Amino acid sequence: MRALYTIPLSEIVVVANLGQLNIPWQELSKDALDGVIQEFVTREGTEYGALEVSMADKCHQVRQQLERGEALITFDESTQSCSIVPVG
């Protein structure tokens, strides 16, 4: 069994056995952050229920979750992709 450990690298934390980086949203440019959020909210399976929610509203909601610390951006080295995941 491999040990799970983190290595602080500036403000980025590497979760070694998962190959995943936590990316502080504040360190991304506005365009990069907008791109990550837009890609996330347009993924297949992102569900907002029976109500129709505009792309702008979805992006705004995700940005607020990041700002409040309720979600974080991760980068998976094996798939070379970003995701936004809930905290806790």
C-alpha atoms as a PDB file:
ATOM      1  CA  MET A   1       0.000   0.000   0.000  1.00  0.00           C
ATOM      2  CA  ARG A   2       1.425   3.377  -1.004  1.00  0.00           C
ATOM      3  CA  ALA A   3       1.356   6.194   1.498  1.00  0.00           C
ATOM      4  CA  LEU A   4      -0.678   9.279   0.672  1.00  0.00           C
ATOM      5  CA  TYR A   5       1.277  12.452   1.220  1.00  0.00           C
ATOM      6  CA  THR A   6       1.269  16.038   0.028  1.00  0.00           C
ATOM      7  CA  ILE A   7       4.187  18.153  -1.045  1.00  0.00           C
ATOM      8  CA  PRO A   8       3.648  21.924  -0.832  1.00  0.00           C
ATOM      9  CA  LEU A   9       5.008  23.530  -3.982  1.00  0.00           C
ATOM     10  CA  SER A  10       4.484  27.258  -3.576  1.00  0.00           C
ATOM     11  CA  GLU A  11       0.692  27.448  -3.237  1.00  0.00           C
ATOM     12  CA  ILE A  12       0.090  24.253  -5.252  1.00  0.00           C
ATOM     13  CA  VAL A  13      -0.269  20.979  -3.367  1.00  0.00           C
ATOM     14  CA  VAL A  14       0.634  17.747  -5.165  1.00  0.00           C
ATOM     15  CA  VAL A  15      -1.287  14.689  -4.035  1.00  0.00           C
ATOM     16  CA  ALA A  16       1.413  12.208  -4.911  1.00  0.00           C
ATOM     17  CA  ASN A  17      -0.392   8.920  -5.354  1.00  0.00           C
ATOM     18  CA  LEU A  18      -3.288  10.490  -7.210  1.00  0.00           C
ATOM     19  CA  GLY A  19      -1.276  12.548  -9.706  1.00  0.00           C
ATOM     20  CA  GLN A  20      -3.529  15.500  -8.975  1.00  0.00           C
ATOM     21  CA  LEU A  21      -2.699  19.176  -8.476  1.00  0.00           C
ATOM     22  CA  ASN A  22      -4.910  21.630  -6.619  1.00  0.00           C
ATOM     23  CA  ILE A  23      -4.808  24.907  -8.535  1.00  0.00           C
ATOM     24  CA  PRO A  24      -5.552  28.134  -6.610  1.00  0.00           C
ATOM     25  CA  TRP A  25      -8.161  29.935  -8.716  1.00  0.00           C
ATOM     26  CA  GLN A  26      -6.684  33.305  -7.729  1.00  0.00           C
ATOM     27  CA  GLU A  27      -3.452  32.455  -9.552  1.00  0.00           C
ATOM     28  CA  LEU A  28      -5.135  31.917 -12.928  1.00  0.00           C
ATOM     29  CA  SER A  29      -5.595  34.746 -15.391  1.00  0.00           C
ATOM     30  CA  LYS A  30      -9.186  35.896 -15.900  1.00  0.00           C
ATOM     31  CA  ASP A  31      -9.269  34.245 -19.347  1.00  0.00           C
ATOM     32  CA  ALA A  32      -7.861  30.960 -18.033  1.00  0.00           C
ATOM     33  CA  LEU A  33     -10.295  30.871 -15.115  1.00  0.00           C
ATOM     34  CA  ASP A  34     -13.230  31.693 -17.395  1.00  0.00           C
ATOM     35  CA  GLY A  35     -12.155  28.893 -19.746  1.00  0.00           C
ATOM     36  CA  VAL A  36     -11.887  26.311 -16.961  1.00  0.00           C
ATOM     37  CA  ILE A  37     -15.287  27.289 -15.560  1.00  0.00           C
ATOM     38  CA  GLN A  38     -16.982  27.316 -18.990  1.00  0.00           C
ATOM     39  CA  GLU A  39     -15.542  23.926 -19.897  1.00  0.00           C
ATOM     40  CA  PHE A  40     -16.711  22.531 -16.561  1.00  0.00           C
ATOM     41  CA  VAL A  41     -20.312  23.787 -16.765  1.00  0.00           C
ATOM     42  CA  THR A  42     -20.752  22.529 -20.339  1.00  0.00           C
ATOM     43  CA  ARG A  43     -19.663  18.958 -19.580  1.00  0.00           C
ATOM     44  CA  GLU A  44     -22.043  16.112 -20.197  1.00  0.00           C
ATOM     45  CA  GLY A  45     -23.775  15.227 -16.936  1.00  0.00           C
ATOM     46  CA  THR A  46     -23.633  18.667 -15.326  1.00  0.00           C
ATOM     47  CA  GLU A  47     -27.219  18.896 -14.098  1.00  0.00           C
ATOM     48  CA  TYR A  48     -29.131  21.873 -12.784  1.00  0.00           C
ATOM     49  CA  GLY A  49     -32.536  20.197 -12.453  1.00  0.00           C
ATOM     50  CA  ALA A  50     -35.756  21.031 -14.265  1.00  0.00           C
ATOM     51  CA  LEU A  51     -35.023  24.763 -14.430  1.00  0.00           C
ATOM     52  CA  GLU A  52     -33.203  26.164 -17.426  1.00  0.00           C
ATOM     53  CA  VAL A  53     -30.107  28.037 -16.213  1.00  0.00           C
ATOM     54  CA  SER A  54     -28.116  30.255 -18.573  1.00  0.00           C
ATOM     55  CA  MET A  55     -24.421  29.635 -19.201  1.00  0.00           C
ATOM     56  CA  ALA A  56     -23.607  33.001 -17.599  1.00  0.00           C
ATOM     57  CA  ASP A  57     -25.559  32.104 -14.449  1.00  0.00           C
ATOM     58  CA  LYS A  58     -23.903  28.678 -14.217  1.00  0.00           C
ATOM     59  CA  CYS A  59     -20.455  30.240 -14.573  1.00  0.00           C
ATOM     60  CA  HIS A  60     -21.301  32.890 -11.972  1.00  0.00           C
ATOM     61  CA  GLN A  61     -22.477  30.230  -9.496  1.00  0.00           C
ATOM     62  CA  VAL A  62     -19.288  28.182  -9.934  1.00  0.00           C
ATOM     63  CA  ARG A  63     -17.096  31.287  -9.586  1.00  0.00           C
ATOM     64  CA  GLN A  64     -18.888  32.159  -6.319  1.00  0.00           C
ATOM     65  CA  GLN A  65     -18.300  28.623  -5.007  1.00  0.00           C
ATOM     66  CA  LEU A  66     -14.588  28.981  -5.770  1.00  0.00           C
ATOM     67  CA  GLU A  67     -14.430  32.412  -4.116  1.00  0.00           C
ATOM     68  CA  ARG A  68     -16.189  31.134  -0.972  1.00  0.00           C
ATOM     69  CA  GLY A  69     -13.855  28.139  -0.742  1.00  0.00           C
ATOM     70  CA  GLU A  70     -16.679  25.664  -1.359  1.00  0.00           C
ATOM     71  CA  ALA A  71     -14.989  24.256  -4.482  1.00  0.00           C
ATOM     72  CA  LEU A  72     -11.492  23.990  -5.892  1.00  0.00           C
ATOM     73  CA  ILE A  73      -9.848  23.475  -9.248  1.00  0.00           C
ATOM     74  CA  THR A  74      -7.861  20.291  -9.745  1.00  0.00           C
ATOM     75  CA  PHE A  75      -5.550  19.200 -12.541  1.00  0.00           C
ATOM     76  CA  ASP A  76      -5.169  15.491 -13.229  1.00  0.00           C
ATOM     77  CA  GLU A  77      -1.725  14.750 -14.642  1.00  0.00           C
ATOM     78  CA  SER A  78      -2.753  11.374 -16.106  1.00  0.00           C
ATOM     79  CA  THR A  79      -5.646  12.799 -18.174  1.00  0.00           C
ATOM     80  CA  GLN A  80      -4.150  16.295 -18.590  1.00  0.00           C
ATOM     81  CA  SER A  81      -7.506  17.817 -17.645  1.00  0.00           C
ATOM     82  CA  CYS A  82      -8.940  20.227 -15.088  1.00  0.00           C
ATOM     83  CA  SER A  83     -11.993  19.737 -12.970  1.00  0.00           C
ATOM     84  CA  ILE A  84     -13.836  21.658 -10.281  1.00  0.00           C
ATOM     85  CA  VAL A  85     -14.696  19.645  -7.201  1.00  0.00           C
ATOM     86  CA  PRO A  86     -16.570  20.406  -3.976  1.00  0.00           C
ATOM     87  CA  VAL A  87     -14.532  20.882  -0.801  1.00  0.00           C
ATOM     88  CA  GLY A  88     -15.303  18.597   2.093  1.00  0.00           C
END
